[in-house]
Amino acid sequence: MSSYAYRLMERHQQLDAELREAMAQRAVDPTRIVRLKKLKLLIKDRLSRLMHGAAHRV
């Protein structure tokens, strides 16, 4: 696994933790929730493309 993929996976996990924390708060900020979900999805898509491209090279 490349260091780039590893960093993406780490960031995805960080965003997941932030999202869980944000949703657990009493005063939920819907804008922050949407932003975190979009960032998390963006990283998931990048990882998917990265892994898909690596599978074709093997």
N, C-alpha and C. Protein backbone atom coordinates (compact mmCIF):
# COMPACT_ATOMS: atom_id res chain seq x y z
N MET A 1 0.85 -1.18 0.00
CA MET A 1 0.00 0.00 0.00
C MET A 1 0.89 1.24 0.00
N SER A 2 0.54 2.19 -0.81
CA SER A 2 1.33 3.41 -0.90
C SER A 2 1.09 4.30 0.32
N SER A 3 2.03 5.20 0.54
CA SER A 3 1.88 6.13 1.67
C SER A 3 0.69 7.06 1.43
N TYR A 4 0.41 7.37 0.17
CA TYR A 4 -0.74 8.22 -0.16
C TYR A 4 -2.03 7.52 0.24
N ALA A 5 -2.16 6.24 -0.09
CA ALA A 5 -3.35 5.48 0.27
C ALA A 5 -3.49 5.38 1.78
N TYR A 6 -2.37 5.17 2.44
CA TYR A 6 -2.38 5.09 3.90
C TYR A 6 -2.86 6.41 4.52
N ARG A 7 -2.36 7.52 4.00
CA ARG A 7 -2.78 8.83 4.51
C ARG A 7 -4.27 9.07 4.26
N LEU A 8 -4.74 8.63 3.10
CA LEU A 8 -6.17 8.77 2.81
C LEU A 8 -7.01 7.94 3.79
N MET A 9 -6.55 6.74 4.08
CA MET A 9 -7.28 5.89 5.02
C MET A 9 -7.28 6.49 6.42
N GLU A 10 -6.15 7.05 6.82
CA GLU A 10 -6.08 7.72 8.13
C GLU A 10 -7.04 8.90 8.19
N ARG A 11 -7.05 9.70 7.14
CA ARG A 11 -7.94 10.88 7.10
C ARG A 11 -9.40 10.45 7.12
N HIS A 12 -9.72 9.37 6.42
CA HIS A 12 -11.08 8.85 6.40
C HIS A 12 -11.51 8.45 7.81
N GLN A 13 -10.62 7.81 8.54
CA GLN A 13 -10.92 7.41 9.91
C GLN A 13 -11.08 8.63 10.82
N GLN A 14 -10.24 9.64 10.61
CA GLN A 14 -10.35 10.87 11.40
C GLN A 14 -11.70 11.55 11.16
N LEU A 15 -12.09 11.62 9.89
CA LEU A 15 -13.37 12.24 9.56
C LEU A 15 -14.52 11.45 10.16
N ASP A 16 -14.40 10.13 10.15
CA ASP A 16 -15.45 9.29 10.73
C ASP A 16 -15.58 9.59 12.23
N ALA A 17 -14.47 9.71 12.92
CA ALA A 17 -14.49 10.03 14.35
C ALA A 17 -15.09 11.41 14.58
N GLU A 18 -14.69 12.39 13.77
CA GLU A 18 -15.25 13.75 13.90
C GLU A 18 -16.75 13.75 13.66
N LEU A 19 -17.18 12.98 12.67
CA LEU A 19 -18.59 12.90 12.34
C LEU A 19 -19.39 12.30 13.49
N ARG A 20 -18.89 11.21 14.07
CA ARG A 20 -19.57 10.60 15.21
C ARG A 20 -19.65 11.57 16.39
N GLU A 21 -18.55 12.29 16.62
CA GLU A 21 -18.52 13.26 17.71
C GLU A 21 -19.51 14.41 17.47
N ALA A 22 -19.54 14.90 16.24
CA ALA A 22 -20.43 16.01 15.90
C ALA A 22 -21.90 15.60 16.03
N MET A 23 -22.20 14.36 15.65
CA MET A 23 -23.59 13.90 15.72
C MET A 23 -24.02 13.60 17.15
N ALA A 24 -23.06 13.36 18.04
CA ALA A 24 -23.38 13.05 19.43
C ALA A 24 -23.63 14.30 20.27
N GLN A 25 -23.27 15.45 19.75
CA GLN A 25 -23.44 16.69 20.51
C GLN A 25 -24.91 17.08 20.59
N ARG A 26 -25.23 17.80 21.65
CA ARG A 26 -26.63 18.24 21.82
C ARG A 26 -27.04 19.21 20.73
N ALA A 27 -26.18 20.18 20.46
CA ALA A 27 -26.48 21.18 19.43
C ALA A 27 -25.77 20.75 18.13
N VAL A 28 -26.45 19.95 17.36
CA VAL A 28 -25.87 19.43 16.12
C VAL A 28 -25.83 20.55 15.08
N ASP A 29 -24.68 20.72 14.45
CA ASP A 29 -24.51 21.71 13.40
C ASP A 29 -24.69 20.99 12.05
N PRO A 30 -25.85 21.13 11.43
CA PRO A 30 -26.11 20.39 10.19
C PRO A 30 -25.13 20.72 9.06
N THR A 31 -24.65 21.94 9.03
CA THR A 31 -23.69 22.33 8.00
C THR A 31 -22.38 21.56 8.17
N ARG A 32 -21.93 21.44 9.41
CA ARG A 32 -20.70 20.70 9.68
C ARG A 32 -20.88 19.21 9.36
N ILE A 33 -22.03 18.67 9.68
CA ILE A 33 -22.31 17.25 9.40
C ILE A 33 -22.23 17.00 7.89
N VAL A 34 -22.86 17.86 7.12
CA VAL A 34 -22.85 17.71 5.66
C VAL A 34 -21.43 17.83 5.11
N ARG A 35 -20.68 18.80 5.63
CA ARG A 35 -19.31 19.00 5.17
C ARG A 35 -18.45 17.77 5.47
N LEU A 36 -18.57 17.24 6.67
CA LEU A 36 -17.79 16.06 7.05
C LEU A 36 -18.17 14.84 6.19
N LYS A 37 -19.46 14.68 5.94
CA LYS A 37 -19.91 13.55 5.12
C LYS A 37 -19.39 13.68 3.68
N LYS A 38 -19.40 14.90 3.14
CA LYS A 38 -18.90 15.10 1.78
C LYS A 38 -17.40 14.82 1.70
N LEU A 39 -16.65 15.31 2.69
CA LEU A 39 -15.21 15.05 2.71
C LEU A 39 -14.91 13.56 2.82
N LYS A 40 -15.66 12.89 3.68
CA LYS A 40 -15.47 11.46 3.87
C LYS A 40 -15.76 10.70 2.57
N LEU A 41 -16.82 11.08 1.88
CA LEU A 41 -17.17 10.43 0.62
C LEU A 41 -16.12 10.72 -0.45
N LEU A 42 -15.62 11.93 -0.48
CA LEU A 42 -14.57 12.29 -1.44
C LEU A 42 -13.33 11.41 -1.25
N ILE A 43 -12.94 11.23 -0.01
CA ILE A 43 -11.77 10.41 0.28
C ILE A 43 -12.05 8.95 -0.07
N LYS A 44 -13.25 8.49 0.22
CA LYS A 44 -13.62 7.11 -0.11
C LYS A 44 -13.54 6.90 -1.63
N ASP A 45 -14.02 7.86 -2.39
CA ASP A 45 -13.96 7.78 -3.85
C ASP A 45 -12.51 7.76 -4.34
N ARG A 46 -11.66 8.60 -3.75
CA ARG A 46 -10.24 8.62 -4.14
C ARG A 46 -9.58 7.28 -3.84
N LEU A 47 -9.87 6.72 -2.68
CA LEU A 47 -9.31 5.42 -2.33
C LEU A 47 -9.79 4.34 -3.30
N SER A 48 -11.05 4.39 -3.64
CA SER A 48 -11.61 3.42 -4.56
C SER A 48 -10.94 3.50 -5.93
N ARG A 49 -10.76 4.73 -6.43
CA ARG A 49 -10.10 4.90 -7.72
C ARG A 49 -8.64 4.44 -7.66
N LEU A 50 -8.00 4.73 -6.54
CA LEU A 50 -6.61 4.34 -6.36
C LEU A 50 -6.48 2.82 -6.34
N MET A 51 -7.35 2.15 -5.60
CA MET A 51 -7.31 0.69 -5.52
C MET A 51 -7.72 0.05 -6.84
N HIS A 52 -8.70 0.65 -7.49
CA HIS A 52 -9.16 0.12 -8.78
C HIS A 52 -8.04 0.23 -9.81
N GLY A 53 -7.33 1.33 -9.82
CA GLY A 53 -6.21 1.51 -10.74
C GLY A 53 -5.08 0.55 -10.44
N ALA A 54 -4.83 0.27 -9.18
CA ALA A 54 -3.76 -0.65 -8.78
C ALA A 54 -4.11 -2.07 -9.20
N ALA A 55 -5.39 -2.41 -9.16
CA ALA A 55 -5.82 -3.76 -9.55
C ALA A 55 -5.60 -4.00 -11.04
N HIS A 56 -5.74 -2.96 -11.83
CA HIS A 56 -5.54 -3.10 -13.28
C HIS A 56 -4.07 -3.20 -13.65
N ARG A 57 -3.20 -2.68 -12.79
CA ARG A 57 -1.77 -2.73 -13.09
C ARG A 57 -1.15 -4.08 -12.75
N VAL A 58 -1.82 -4.86 -11.92
CA VAL A 58 -1.23 -6.14 -11.48
C VAL A 58 -1.38 -7.18 -12.55
